Protein backbone atom coordinates (compact mmCIF):
# COMPACT_ATOMS: atom_id res chain seq x y z
CA MET A 1 -89.48 -34.93 8.41
CA GLU A 2 -89.74 -31.37 8.51
CA GLU A 3 -86.79 -29.09 8.40
CA ALA A 4 -85.86 -27.21 11.56
CA GLU A 5 -86.38 -23.64 11.36
CA GLY A 6 -83.28 -21.67 9.91
CA SER A 7 -81.82 -25.02 8.57
CA LEU A 8 -81.24 -25.50 4.92
CA PRO A 9 -83.47 -27.64 3.02
CA THR A 10 -82.24 -30.66 1.36
CA VAL A 11 -82.69 -32.42 -1.93
CA GLU A 12 -82.07 -36.08 -2.84
CA ASP A 13 -79.68 -36.53 -5.94
CA VAL A 14 -79.76 -39.26 -8.33
CA THR A 15 -77.23 -41.28 -6.12
CA GLY A 16 -79.78 -41.14 -3.16
CA HIS A 17 -77.59 -38.73 -1.04
CA SER A 18 -79.16 -35.81 0.49
CA ARG A 19 -77.78 -32.32 -0.54
CA ARG A 20 -78.60 -29.13 1.09
CA PHE A 21 -79.42 -26.12 -1.10
CA CYS A 22 -80.41 -22.54 -0.53
CA SER A 23 -82.34 -20.06 -2.42
CA THR A 24 -80.82 -16.90 -0.88
CA PRO A 25 -77.86 -15.85 -3.31
CA GLY A 26 -75.73 -13.97 -0.75
CA LEU A 27 -76.16 -16.88 1.70
CA CYS A 28 -74.93 -19.43 -0.90
CA GLN A 29 -71.93 -17.26 -1.79
CA GLY A 30 -70.99 -17.05 1.77
CA LEU A 31 -71.33 -20.90 2.11
CA THR A 32 -69.21 -21.52 -0.89
CA MET A 33 -66.36 -19.33 0.34
CA LEU A 34 -66.15 -21.29 3.66
CA PRO A 35 -63.76 -23.95 2.23
CA ALA A 36 -61.37 -21.28 0.76
CA THR A 37 -61.56 -19.35 3.89
CA GLY A 38 -60.47 -22.45 5.93
CA HIS A 39 -57.58 -23.12 3.68
CA LEU A 40 -56.40 -19.58 4.19
CA LEU A 41 -56.68 -19.87 8.01
CA SER A 42 -54.63 -23.14 7.88
CA LEU A 43 -52.03 -21.44 6.06
CA LEU A 44 -51.80 -18.48 8.26
CA LEU A 45 -51.43 -20.96 11.14
CA LEU A 46 -48.63 -22.74 9.33
CA LEU A 47 -46.83 -19.51 8.55
CA GLY A 48 -47.13 -18.64 12.33
CA THR A 49 -45.62 -21.95 13.46
CA GLY A 50 -43.22 -22.20 10.50
CA SER A 51 -43.70 -25.86 10.56
CA THR A 52 -43.92 -26.51 6.75
CA VAL A 53 -43.03 -23.09 5.09
CA PRO A 54 -39.37 -22.16 5.05
CA SER A 55 -38.56 -19.28 7.32
CA LEU A 56 -36.40 -16.32 6.40
CA GLN A 57 -32.60 -16.44 6.71
CA ALA A 58 -31.77 -15.63 10.35
CA LEU A 59 -29.27 -12.82 10.85
CA PRO A 60 -25.73 -13.73 12.24
CA GLN A 61 -25.47 -13.46 15.98
CA GLY A 62 -24.58 -9.76 16.90
CA CYS A 63 -26.15 -8.15 13.66
CA TYR A 64 -29.25 -6.17 13.27
CA MET A 65 -31.05 -3.96 10.80
CA ALA A 66 -32.17 -0.41 11.53
CA GLU A 67 -33.37 2.75 9.84
CA GLU A 68 -30.83 5.57 10.27
CA ALA A 69 -31.66 8.90 8.89
CA GLY A 70 -34.19 7.19 6.74
CA GLU A 71 -31.69 4.89 5.20
CA ARG A 72 -31.57 1.07 5.37
CA THR A 73 -28.53 0.20 7.73
CA PHE A 74 -27.01 -3.23 8.61
CA ARG A 75 -24.77 -3.41 11.54
CA CYS A 76 -22.42 -6.25 12.34
CA SER A 77 -20.10 -4.57 14.62
CA GLN A 78 -18.01 -6.54 17.16
CA ALA A 79 -19.89 -9.73 16.01
CA GLY A 80 -16.82 -11.86 15.91
CA LEU A 81 -17.18 -12.41 12.15
CA SER A 82 -14.32 -14.10 10.10
CA ALA A 83 -16.14 -13.68 6.69
CA VAL A 84 -18.66 -11.28 5.29
CA PRO A 85 -21.92 -12.44 6.27
CA GLY A 86 -24.86 -13.65 4.10
CA GLY A 87 -28.46 -12.45 4.26
CA ILE A 88 -27.60 -8.69 4.13
CA PRO A 89 -30.84 -7.10 2.54
CA ASN A 90 -30.06 -5.88 -1.09
CA ASP A 91 -31.50 -2.39 -0.22
CA THR A 92 -29.01 -1.78 2.35
CA ARG A 93 -27.36 1.51 2.07
CA LYS A 94 -24.96 1.61 5.19
CA LEU A 95 -23.02 -1.56 6.13
CA TYR A 96 -20.93 -1.70 9.21
CA LEU A 97 -18.60 -4.73 9.63
CA ASP A 98 -16.15 -2.98 11.83
CA ALA A 99 -14.27 -4.59 14.92
CA ASN A 100 -14.48 -8.20 13.58
CA LEU A 101 -12.04 -10.79 12.40
CA LEU A 102 -12.13 -10.25 8.73
CA ALA A 103 -8.71 -11.17 7.04
CA SER A 104 -9.66 -10.79 3.44
CA VAL A 105 -12.43 -9.43 1.14
CA PRO A 106 -12.96 -11.74 -1.81
CA ALA A 107 -14.05 -10.90 -5.34
CA GLY A 108 -17.70 -9.74 -5.65
CA ALA A 109 -18.29 -9.72 -1.89
CA PHE A 110 -20.89 -6.72 -1.96
CA GLN A 111 -22.06 -7.06 -5.55
CA HIS A 112 -25.43 -8.03 -4.48
CA LEU A 113 -25.95 -4.64 -2.70
CA PRO A 114 -26.77 -2.25 -5.74
CA VAL A 115 -27.41 0.70 -3.59
CA LEU A 116 -24.76 0.65 -1.02
CA GLU A 117 -23.25 4.00 -0.24
CA GLU A 118 -21.24 3.44 2.95
CA LEU A 119 -18.93 0.59 3.82
CA ASP A 120 -17.10 0.20 7.15
CA LEU A 121 -14.47 -2.37 7.32
CA SER A 122 -12.09 -0.73 10.03
CA HIS A 123 -10.71 -2.57 12.92
CA ASN A 124 -10.35 -5.80 11.54
CA VAL A 125 -7.29 -7.86 10.59
CA LEU A 126 -7.42 -7.45 6.73
CA ALA A 127 -4.27 -8.08 4.99
CA HIS A 128 -5.66 -8.88 1.52
CA LEU A 129 -8.05 -7.41 -0.79
CA SER A 130 -9.13 -8.86 -3.92
CA GLY A 131 -8.67 -6.73 -7.06
CA ALA A 132 -12.60 -7.19 -7.57
CA ALA A 133 -13.44 -6.76 -3.92
CA PHE A 134 -15.84 -3.71 -4.62
CA GLN A 135 -17.18 -4.97 -7.86
CA GLY A 136 -20.58 -3.68 -8.58
CA LEU A 137 -20.37 -0.68 -6.28
CA ALA A 138 -18.91 1.81 -8.77
CA GLY A 139 -21.99 3.82 -9.23
CA THR A 140 -22.98 3.90 -5.63
CA LEU A 141 -20.30 3.57 -3.03
CA ARG A 142 -19.16 7.00 -1.55
CA HIS A 143 -17.40 6.10 1.75
CA LEU A 144 -14.99 3.49 2.47
CA ASP A 145 -13.20 2.79 5.91
CA LEU A 146 -10.20 0.60 5.75
CA SER A 147 -8.39 1.96 8.82
CA ALA A 148 -6.81 -0.11 11.52
CA ASN A 149 -6.08 -3.19 9.66
CA GLN A 150 -3.10 -5.15 8.58
CA LEU A 151 -2.91 -3.84 4.86
CA ALA A 152 0.70 -3.46 3.56
CA SER A 153 -0.43 -3.05 -0.05
CA VAL A 154 -3.67 -2.90 -2.08
CA PRO A 155 -4.47 -3.57 -5.82
CA VAL A 156 -5.07 -0.49 -7.89
CA GLU A 157 -7.67 -2.41 -9.63
CA ALA A 158 -9.88 -2.61 -6.49
CA PHE A 159 -10.38 1.14 -6.80
CA LEU A 160 -10.95 1.55 -10.46
CA GLY A 161 -14.16 3.53 -11.34
CA LEU A 162 -15.05 4.34 -7.61
CA GLN A 163 -15.72 7.80 -6.78
CA ILE A 164 -15.20 7.48 -3.00
CA GLN A 165 -13.76 8.96 0.24
CA VAL A 166 -11.46 6.49 1.77
CA ASN A 167 -9.73 6.22 5.21
CA LEU A 168 -6.49 4.36 4.76
CA SER A 169 -4.81 5.25 8.08
CA ALA A 170 -3.34 2.94 10.96
CA ASN A 171 -2.16 0.36 8.52
CA PRO A 172 1.54 -1.00 8.16
CA TRP A 173 2.03 0.17 4.51
CA SER A 174 4.94 -0.97 2.54
CA CYS A 175 4.59 2.56 0.72
CA ASP A 176 4.88 1.03 -2.74
CA CYS A 177 3.62 2.15 -6.23
CA ALA A 178 0.34 0.69 -5.95
CA LEU A 179 -0.55 2.84 -2.65
CA GLN A 180 0.76 5.89 -4.66
CA GLU A 181 -1.41 5.23 -7.55
CA VAL A 182 -4.46 4.35 -5.18
CA ILE A 183 -4.05 7.68 -3.44
CA ARG A 184 -4.14 9.42 -6.68
CA ARG A 185 -7.40 7.83 -7.78
CA VAL A 186 -9.36 8.43 -4.31
CA ARG A 187 -10.09 11.28 -2.02
CA LEU A 188 -8.88 10.66 1.56
CA ALA A 189 -11.23 11.17 4.47
CA PRO A 190 -10.58 14.42 6.24
CA GLY A 191 -7.84 14.40 9.02
CA THR A 192 -6.58 10.94 8.01
CA ALA A 193 -3.67 11.77 5.76
CA ALA A 194 -1.03 11.92 8.75
CA GLY A 195 -1.99 8.31 9.73
CA ILE A 196 -0.79 6.74 6.49
CA VAL A 197 2.67 5.81 7.58
CA CYS A 198 5.20 3.35 6.10
CA GLY A 199 5.32 0.31 8.07
CA PRO A 200 8.14 -2.37 8.84
CA GLY A 201 7.70 -3.86 5.34
CA ALA A 202 8.79 -0.64 3.57
CA ARG A 203 12.22 0.36 2.47
CA ALA A 204 14.38 0.87 5.52
CA ASP A 205 14.93 4.62 5.10
CA LEU A 206 11.18 4.98 4.72
CA VAL A 207 9.77 3.26 7.87
CA GLY A 208 7.87 5.38 10.07
CA GLN A 209 7.49 8.23 7.56
CA GLU A 210 4.24 9.99 6.66
CA PHE A 211 3.38 8.59 3.04
CA LEU A 212 2.02 11.86 1.66
CA LEU A 213 5.08 13.95 2.44
CA LEU A 214 7.20 11.08 1.08
CA ALA A 215 5.14 10.94 -2.09
CA GLY A 216 5.56 14.58 -2.70
CA GLU A 217 9.49 14.33 -2.74
CA GLU A 218 10.02 11.17 -4.74
CA GLU A 219 8.41 9.02 -7.45
CA LEU A 220 7.96 5.28 -6.30
CA CYS A 221 6.63 4.14 -9.71
CA GLY A 222 9.05 2.97 -12.22
CA SER A 223 6.50 3.40 -15.12
CA GLY A 224 3.40 5.40 -15.84
CA ARG A 225 2.92 9.07 -14.76
CA GLY A 226 5.83 10.43 -13.39
CA GLY A 227 7.99 7.24 -13.67
CA ALA A 228 8.82 7.78 -17.38
CA ARG A 229 10.03 11.28 -16.42
CA ARG A 230 12.22 9.86 -13.76
CA SER A 231 13.74 7.26 -16.16
CA THR A 232 14.45 9.99 -18.54
CA ASP A 233 16.06 12.13 -16.02
CA VAL A 234 18.18 9.02 -14.94
CA ALA A 235 19.28 8.32 -18.43
CA LEU A 236 20.27 12.04 -19.05
CA LEU A 237 22.42 11.88 -15.86
CA VAL A 238 24.22 8.51 -17.04
CA ILE A 239 24.98 10.05 -20.28
CA MET A 240 26.34 13.25 -18.69
CA GLY A 241 28.28 11.45 -16.34
CA GLY A 242 29.99 9.32 -19.08
CA TRP A 243 30.75 12.62 -20.97
CA LEU A 244 32.35 13.99 -17.95
CA VAL A 245 34.43 10.84 -17.28
CA LEU A 246 35.64 11.08 -20.99
CA VAL A 247 36.71 14.66 -20.36
CA VAL A 248 38.47 14.05 -17.04
CA ALA A 249 40.33 11.07 -18.70
CA TYR A 250 41.38 13.16 -21.62
CA LEU A 251 42.68 15.89 -19.60
CA ALA A 252 44.61 13.57 -17.26
CA HIS A 253 46.24 11.97 -20.30
CA TYR A 254 47.17 15.36 -21.62
CA VAL A 255 48.80 16.59 -18.39
CA TRP A 256 50.77 13.14 -18.00
CA GLN A 257 52.12 13.39 -21.61
CA ASN A 258 53.27 16.87 -21.15
CA ARG A 259 54.89 16.04 -17.72
CA ASP A 260 56.95 13.23 -19.44
CA GLU A 261 57.95 15.44 -22.39
CA SER A 262 59.21 18.06 -19.90
CA ARG A 263 61.40 15.45 -18.15
CA ARG A 264 63.15 14.29 -21.33
CA PRO A 265 66.76 15.76 -21.78
CA LEU A 266 67.27 18.18 -24.58
CA LYS A 267 69.15 16.71 -27.75
CA GLN A 268 72.07 18.64 -28.90
CA ALA A 269 71.50 20.24 -32.29
CA PRO A 270 73.65 19.02 -35.07
CA ALA A 271 76.31 21.31 -36.27
CA LEU A 272 75.54 22.92 -39.63
CA PRO A 273 78.33 22.39 -42.41
CA VAL A 274 80.42 25.44 -43.11
CA ARG A 275 80.91 26.56 -46.71
CA SER A 276 84.43 27.27 -47.96
CA GLU A 277 83.66 31.02 -48.69
CA ASP A 278 82.56 31.46 -45.24
CA SER A 279 85.80 29.79 -43.96
CA SER A 280 88.00 32.13 -45.89
CA THR A 281 86.06 35.18 -44.85
CA LEU A 282 86.20 34.14 -41.18
CA SER A 283 90.11 33.42 -41.68
CA THR A 284 90.68 36.98 -43.26
CA MET A 285 88.63 38.68 -40.37
CA VAL A 286 90.74 36.87 -37.84
């Protein structure tokens, strides 16, 4: 049978099956690529439907990604979160987790964010920070907001190596040595110093006072910088007080002894024996 015009000629192989062949190289190449193209189209369809290929991790409800001033930003403000969410892109530079229900920050919570520069944890219910809460951020983190939480104290270790500007205002601080050491290691955000106030857990005479004014007047740490000096001063005062007590006691004893001596009756002096020559002389004179 003659081949229809435009159709491919066929040959019969050794098995007796008819196979088409072509004499034009470009046409043959196009024909051989059809199966691969079909597989690619099928893969694209599967990706579109998501039926067999795993989809990307969905963002938590209320969270979204954005570009702000050319920097990747991840916002989860007022999202009702009770824990640091997963799925934060590792190229995030600004992370906003403010106005949620976070009660603590565990160790290494942000260590998968190697370029994070700004972190906002304000207006949560944070009462505990792990000593390794900001692990992995020492070289990048520049701004940290911990304001309006329930922090009474924070571990100094959490801030070691960080070159940050931090907002610590509106927390019920216990005004302890740890807070004093933290403030020595960080820079406070402008205009926030007056908001660092001693809370109900502080010493009774410190409650309601601004911490920075207080820290300038007394040393809260028993050791370390300033603490050793204070211990030495106390020791000197104790020694001087002891010497003063001894001097006063000696003076009191001396005065009391002299008063007793003045009250004793004078003893009559014994009569001296009169020699015979003196007696004769005295009688002659009489």
